């Protein structure tokens, strides 16, 4: 026997409509625009439905992170080759407007909302995960792994987020070569 009432989550169509609109709003107006009222205005989905499933802007940001996972790359077993592939993947993601702008919006939102700060950490962790996976698979110690990821990725994030220029892929590849030489026995 089925119980009457509301379903546990939004329908796939409703979720797609709301989250697509949320990404567009985020890119155009920032995280502050991710209110139930504003999402209702642009989608026609009832405010109560939006509010029930995404009660805060941080909940909308979390849902956007959930629907944009990065598929794992195919590891070759060669440290340098796999790190180069991770650099190319990150550079491509940072070049795409939604990823860079989404990260910038998370940074702005995190200044006033602790929940957004946690989401920023989660999102950056997702961006760094392929580098950690490659280095972990190569048996690199955790401290060396953190240092290597920071050395490779920091200049890319600096370019894309603070200097508003394309990520310096060539420089990152030089850093990968240097890092791989240092970490390979």
C-alpha atoms as a PDB file:
ATOM      1  CA  UNK A   1       0.000   0.000   0.000  1.00  0.00           C
ATOM      2  CA  UNK A   2       1.362   3.400  -0.928  1.00  0.00           C
ATOM      3  CA  UNK A   3       1.275   6.195   1.582  1.00  0.00           C
ATOM      4  CA  UNK A   4      -0.074   9.508   0.450  1.00  0.00           C
ATOM      5  CA  UNK A   5       2.211  12.470   0.805  1.00  0.00           C
ATOM      6  CA  UNK A   6       5.080  14.161  -0.838  1.00  0.00           C
ATOM      7  CA  UNK A   7       7.919  12.249  -2.447  1.00  0.00           C
ATOM      8  CA  UNK A   8      11.255  12.219  -0.631  1.00  0.00           C
ATOM      9  CA  UNK A   9      13.119  14.167  -3.290  1.00  0.00           C
ATOM     10  CA  UNK A  10      12.474  16.298  -6.322  1.00  0.00           C
ATOM     11  CA  UNK A  11      11.629  14.621  -9.596  1.00  0.00           C
ATOM     12  CA  UNK A  12      14.485  14.349 -12.024  1.00  0.00           C
ATOM     13  CA  UNK A  13      12.889  16.965 -14.293  1.00  0.00           C
ATOM     14  CA  UNK A  14      12.344  19.424 -11.438  1.00  0.00           C
ATOM     15  CA  UNK A  15      15.878  18.931 -10.194  1.00  0.00           C
ATOM     16  CA  UNK A  16      17.313  19.491 -13.670  1.00  0.00           C
ATOM     17  CA  UNK A  17      15.250  22.653 -14.215  1.00  0.00           C
ATOM     18  CA  UNK A  18      16.065  24.150 -10.820  1.00  0.00           C
ATOM     19  CA  UNK A  19      19.767  23.285 -10.832  1.00  0.00           C
ATOM     20  CA  UNK A  20      20.265  24.483 -14.410  1.00  0.00           C
ATOM     21  CA  UNK A  21      18.636  27.770 -13.481  1.00  0.00           C
ATOM     22  CA  UNK A  22      20.660  27.898 -10.265  1.00  0.00           C
ATOM     23  CA  UNK A  23      23.926  27.566 -12.179  1.00  0.00           C
ATOM     24  CA  UNK A  24      22.874  30.301 -14.593  1.00  0.00           C
ATOM     25  CA  UNK A  25      21.888  32.567 -11.684  1.00  0.00           C
ATOM     26  CA  UNK A  26      25.102  31.806  -9.866  1.00  0.00           C
ATOM     27  CA  UNK A  27      27.192  32.741 -12.878  1.00  0.00           C
ATOM     28  CA  UNK A  28      25.203  35.886 -13.610  1.00  0.00           C
ATOM     29  CA  UNK A  29      24.333  37.197 -10.139  1.00  0.00           C
ATOM     30  CA  UNK A  30      26.363  35.271  -7.564  1.00  0.00           C
ATOM     31  CA  UNK A  31      25.444  32.930  -4.735  1.00  0.00           C
ATOM     32  CA  UNK A  32      23.160  35.462  -3.042  1.00  0.00           C
ATOM     33  CA  UNK A  33      20.674  34.970  -5.905  1.00  0.00           C
ATOM     34  CA  UNK A  34      20.138  31.321  -5.003  1.00  0.00           C
ATOM     35  CA  UNK A  35      17.004  31.906  -2.927  1.00  0.00           C
ATOM     36  CA  UNK A  36      13.757  29.962  -3.193  1.00  0.00           C
ATOM     37  CA  UNK A  37      11.984  33.138  -4.360  1.00  0.00           C
ATOM     38  CA  UNK A  38      14.505  33.870  -7.113  1.00  0.00           C
ATOM     39  CA  UNK A  39      14.624  30.252  -8.297  1.00  0.00           C
ATOM     40  CA  UNK A  40      10.811  30.214  -8.368  1.00  0.00           C
ATOM     41  CA  UNK A  41      10.821  33.404 -10.473  1.00  0.00           C
ATOM     42  CA  UNK A  42      13.140  32.016 -13.124  1.00  0.00           C
ATOM     43  CA  UNK A  43      11.863  28.423 -13.241  1.00  0.00           C
ATOM     44  CA  UNK A  44       8.169  28.544 -12.379  1.00  0.00           C
ATOM     45  CA  UNK A  45       8.730  25.726  -9.879  1.00  0.00           C
ATOM     46  CA  UNK A  46       6.789  26.536  -6.726  1.00  0.00           C
ATOM     47  CA  UNK A  47       8.655  28.274  -3.934  1.00  0.00           C
ATOM     48  CA  UNK A  48       7.572  25.591  -1.492  1.00  0.00           C
ATOM     49  CA  UNK A  49       9.080  22.859  -3.688  1.00  0.00           C
ATOM     50  CA  UNK A  50      12.321  24.771  -4.083  1.00  0.00           C
ATOM     51  CA  UNK A  51      12.463  25.577  -0.375  1.00  0.00           C
ATOM     52  CA  UNK A  52      11.594  22.012   0.667  1.00  0.00           C
ATOM     53  CA  UNK A  53      14.475  20.510  -1.318  1.00  0.00           C
ATOM     54  CA  UNK A  54      16.990  23.373  -1.227  1.00  0.00           C
ATOM     55  CA  UNK A  55      16.190  25.517   1.850  1.00  0.00           C
ATOM     56  CA  UNK A  56      19.342  27.656   1.690  1.00  0.00           C
ATOM     57  CA  UNK A  57      21.725  28.965  -0.954  1.00  0.00           C
ATOM     58  CA  UNK A  58      24.332  26.605   0.515  1.00  0.00           C
ATOM     59  CA  UNK A  59      21.969  23.659  -0.108  1.00  0.00           C
ATOM     60  CA  UNK A  60      21.678  24.722  -3.751  1.00  0.00           C
ATOM     61  CA  UNK A  61      25.481  24.989  -4.018  1.00  0.00           C
ATOM     62  CA  UNK A  62      25.841  21.529  -2.472  1.00  0.00           C
ATOM     63  CA  UNK A  63      23.361  20.096  -4.990  1.00  0.00           C
ATOM     64  CA  UNK A  64      25.308  21.683  -7.842  1.00  0.00           C
ATOM     65  CA  UNK A  65      28.507  20.067  -6.573  1.00  0.00           C
ATOM     66  CA  UNK A  66      26.715  16.711  -6.301  1.00  0.00           C
ATOM     67  CA  UNK A  67      25.594  16.723  -9.938  1.00  0.00           C
ATOM     68  CA  UNK A  68      28.969  17.706 -11.382  1.00  0.00           C
ATOM     69  CA  UNK A  69      31.335  14.908 -10.383  1.00  0.00           C
ATOM     70  CA  UNK A  70      34.611  14.505 -12.166  1.00  0.00           C
ATOM     71  CA  UNK A  71      34.907  11.085 -13.799  1.00  0.00           C
ATOM     72  CA  UNK A  72      38.100   9.332 -12.716  1.00  0.00           C
ATOM     73  CA  UNK A  73      40.837   9.234 -15.321  1.00  0.00           C
ATOM     74  CA  UNK A  74      42.379   6.037 -16.543  1.00  0.00           C
ATOM     75  CA  UNK A  75      45.725   5.562 -14.768  1.00  0.00           C
ATOM     76  CA  UNK A  76      48.670   4.420 -16.852  1.00  0.00           C
ATOM     77  CA  UNK A  77      50.894   3.626 -13.889  1.00  0.00           C
ATOM     78  CA  UNK A  78      53.479   6.154 -15.072  1.00  0.00           C
ATOM     79  CA  UNK A  79      53.680   8.950 -12.482  1.00  0.00           C
ATOM     80  CA  UNK A  80      54.652  11.737 -14.868  1.00  0.00           C
ATOM     81  CA  UNK A  81      52.148  10.730 -17.570  1.00  0.00           C
ATOM     82  CA  UNK A  82      49.297  10.474 -15.066  1.00  0.00           C
ATOM     83  CA  UNK A  83      50.153  13.821 -13.458  1.00  0.00           C
ATOM     84  CA  UNK A  84      50.296  15.442 -16.916  1.00  0.00           C
ATOM     85  CA  UNK A  85      46.833  14.032 -17.646  1.00  0.00           C
ATOM     86  CA  UNK A  86      45.537  15.433 -14.340  1.00  0.00           C
ATOM     87  CA  UNK A  87      47.011  18.861 -15.209  1.00  0.00           C
ATOM     88  CA  UNK A  88      45.318  18.829 -18.604  1.00  0.00           C
ATOM     89  CA  UNK A  89      42.011  17.822 -17.041  1.00  0.00           C
ATOM     90  CA  UNK A  90      42.196  20.586 -14.419  1.00  0.00           C
ATOM     91  CA  UNK A  91      43.236  23.209 -16.979  1.00  0.00           C
ATOM     92  CA  UNK A  92      40.309  22.217 -19.173  1.00  0.00           C
ATOM     93  CA  UNK A  93      37.932  22.448 -16.217  1.00  0.00           C
ATOM     94  CA  UNK A  94      39.254  25.849 -15.164  1.00  0.00           C
ATOM     95  CA  UNK A  95      38.938  27.093 -18.735  1.00  0.00           C
ATOM     96  CA  UNK A  96      35.259  26.205 -18.789  1.00  0.00           C
ATOM     97  CA  UNK A  97      33.344  29.176 -17.417  1.00  0.00           C
ATOM     98  CA  UNK A  98      31.068  27.297 -15.025  1.00  0.00           C
ATOM     99  CA  UNK A  99      33.917  25.663 -13.076  1.00  0.00           C
ATOM    100  CA  UNK A 100      36.023  28.781 -12.567  1.00  0.00           C
ATOM    101  CA  UNK A 101      33.019  31.017 -11.941  1.00  0.00           C
ATOM    102  CA  UNK A 102      31.479  28.440  -9.619  1.00  0.00           C
ATOM    103  CA  UNK A 103      34.657  28.311  -7.568  1.00  0.00           C
ATOM    104  CA  UNK A 104      34.817  32.128  -7.464  1.00  0.00           C
ATOM    105  CA  UNK A 105      31.192  32.240  -6.293  1.00  0.00           C
ATOM    106  CA  UNK A 106      31.977  29.704  -3.564  1.00  0.00           C
ATOM    107  CA  UNK A 107      34.878  31.868  -2.401  1.00  0.00           C
ATOM    108  CA  UNK A 108      32.635  34.939  -2.196  1.00  0.00           C
ATOM    109  CA  UNK A 109      29.827  33.036  -0.467  1.00  0.00           C
ATOM    110  CA  UNK A 110      32.280  31.507   2.027  1.00  0.00           C
ATOM    111  CA  UNK A 111      33.192  34.965   3.274  1.00  0.00           C
ATOM    112  CA  UNK A 112      29.789  35.252   4.964  1.00  0.00           C
ATOM    113  CA  UNK A 113      28.440  31.701   5.197  1.00  0.00           C
ATOM    114  CA  UNK A 114      30.307  28.960   7.097  1.00  0.00           C
ATOM    115  CA  UNK A 115      28.346  26.288   5.198  1.00  0.00           C
ATOM    116  CA  UNK A 116      29.647  27.709   1.924  1.00  0.00           C
ATOM    117  CA  UNK A 117      33.186  27.588   3.317  1.00  0.00           C
ATOM    118  CA  UNK A 118      32.771  23.840   3.873  1.00  0.00           C
ATOM    119  CA  UNK A 119      31.435  23.485   0.332  1.00  0.00           C
ATOM    120  CA  UNK A 120      34.416  25.415  -1.021  1.00  0.00           C
ATOM    121  CA  UNK A 121      36.759  22.970   0.721  1.00  0.00           C
ATOM    122  CA  UNK A 122      34.777  20.048  -0.668  1.00  0.00           C
ATOM    123  CA  UNK A 123      34.793  21.434  -4.214  1.00  0.00           C
ATOM    124  CA  UNK A 124      38.511  22.221  -4.168  1.00  0.00           C
ATOM    125  CA  UNK A 125      39.109  18.750  -2.738  1.00  0.00           C
ATOM    126  CA  UNK A 126      37.218  17.308  -5.705  1.00  0.00           C
ATOM    127  CA  UNK A 127      39.412  19.309  -8.090  1.00  0.00           C
ATOM    128  CA  UNK A 128      42.581  18.074  -6.357  1.00  0.00           C
ATOM    129  CA  UNK A 129      41.464  14.451  -5.963  1.00  0.00           C
ATOM    130  CA  UNK A 130      42.919  13.209  -9.284  1.00  0.00           C
ATOM    131  CA  UNK A 131      46.377  14.494  -8.292  1.00  0.00           C
ATOM    132  CA  UNK A 132      46.175  12.849  -4.878  1.00  0.00           C
ATOM    133  CA  UNK A 133      44.979   9.587  -6.441  1.00  0.00           C
ATOM    134  CA  UNK A 134      47.894   9.493  -8.898  1.00  0.00           C
ATOM    135  CA  UNK A 135      50.445  10.232  -6.196  1.00  0.00           C
ATOM    136  CA  UNK A 136      48.843   7.785  -3.738  1.00  0.00           C
ATOM    137  CA  UNK A 137      48.908   5.041  -6.398  1.00  0.00           C
ATOM    138  CA  UNK A 138      52.606   5.768  -6.939  1.00  0.00           C
ATOM    139  CA  UNK A 139      53.241   5.221  -3.228  1.00  0.00           C
ATOM    140  CA  UNK A 140      54.141   8.836  -2.455  1.00  0.00           C
ATOM    141  CA  UNK A 141      53.990   9.653   1.264  1.00  0.00           C
ATOM    142  CA  UNK A 142      51.136  11.910   2.420  1.00  0.00           C
ATOM    143  CA  UNK A 143      53.342  14.917   3.246  1.00  0.00           C
ATOM    144  CA  UNK A 144      55.193  14.723  -0.071  1.00  0.00           C
ATOM    145  CA  UNK A 145      51.858  14.194  -1.821  1.00  0.00           C
ATOM    146  CA  UNK A 146      50.378  17.376  -0.294  1.00  0.00           C
ATOM    147  CA  UNK A 147      53.485  19.366  -1.211  1.00  0.00           C
ATOM    148  CA  UNK A 148      53.494  18.056  -4.771  1.00  0.00           C
ATOM    149  CA  UNK A 149      49.799  18.806  -5.304  1.00  0.00           C
ATOM    150  CA  UNK A 150      50.258  22.326  -3.926  1.00  0.00           C
ATOM    151  CA  UNK A 151      53.279  22.957  -6.165  1.00  0.00           C
ATOM    152  CA  UNK A 152      51.464  21.775  -9.292  1.00  0.00           C
ATOM    153  CA  UNK A 153      47.974  23.171  -8.700  1.00  0.00           C
ATOM    154  CA  UNK A 154      48.548  26.464  -6.875  1.00  0.00           C
ATOM    155  CA  UNK A 155      49.820  28.360  -9.939  1.00  0.00           C
ATOM    156  CA  UNK A 156      46.851  27.105 -11.971  1.00  0.00           C
ATOM    157  CA  UNK A 157      44.334  28.293  -9.386  1.00  0.00           C
ATOM    158  CA  UNK A 158      46.185  31.599  -9.004  1.00  0.00           C
ATOM    159  CA  UNK A 159      45.948  32.235 -12.740  1.00  0.00           C
ATOM    160  CA  UNK A 160      42.313  31.211 -13.094  1.00  0.00           C
ATOM    161  CA  UNK A 161      40.854  32.680  -9.925  1.00  0.00           C
ATOM    162  CA  UNK A 162      42.925  35.670  -8.895  1.00  0.00           C
ATOM    163  CA  UNK A 163      44.630  36.869 -12.046  1.00  0.00           C
ATOM    164  CA  UNK A 164      41.662  36.134 -14.336  1.00  0.00           C
ATOM    165  CA  UNK A 165      43.801  34.626 -17.059  1.00  0.00           C
ATOM    166  CA  UNK A 166      44.039  31.182 -18.606  1.00  0.00           C
ATOM    167  CA  UNK A 167      45.773  28.590 -16.460  1.00  0.00           C
ATOM    168  CA  UNK A 168      49.442  28.297 -17.438  1.00  0.00           C
ATOM    169  CA  UNK A 169      49.340  24.723 -18.669  1.00  0.00           C
ATOM    170  CA  UNK A 170      52.947  24.756 -19.918  1.00  0.00           C
ATOM    171  CA  UNK A 171      54.281  25.947 -16.573  1.00  0.00           C
ATOM    172  CA  UNK A 172      52.235  23.283 -14.782  1.00  0.00           C
ATOM    173  CA  UNK A 173      53.702  20.611 -17.062  1.00  0.00           C
ATOM    174  CA  UNK A 174      57.228  21.833 -16.234  1.00  0.00           C
ATOM    175  CA  UNK A 175      56.369  21.586 -12.532  1.00  0.00           C
ATOM    176  CA  UNK A 176      55.023  18.065 -13.090  1.00  0.00           C
ATOM    177  CA  UNK A 177      58.282  17.039 -14.780  1.00  0.00           C
ATOM    178  CA  UNK A 178      60.321  18.460 -11.914  1.00  0.00           C
ATOM    179  CA  UNK A 179      58.053  16.909  -9.286  1.00  0.00           C
ATOM    180  CA  UNK A 180      58.032  13.494 -10.973  1.00  0.00           C
ATOM    181  CA  UNK A 181      61.840  13.493 -11.182  1.00  0.00           C
ATOM    182  CA  UNK A 182      62.063  14.392  -7.499  1.00  0.00           C
ATOM    183  CA  UNK A 183      59.549  11.740  -6.388  1.00  0.00           C
ATOM    184  CA  UNK A 184      60.617   8.883  -8.653  1.00  0.00           C
ATOM    185  CA  UNK A 185      63.429   6.774  -7.163  1.00  0.00           C
END
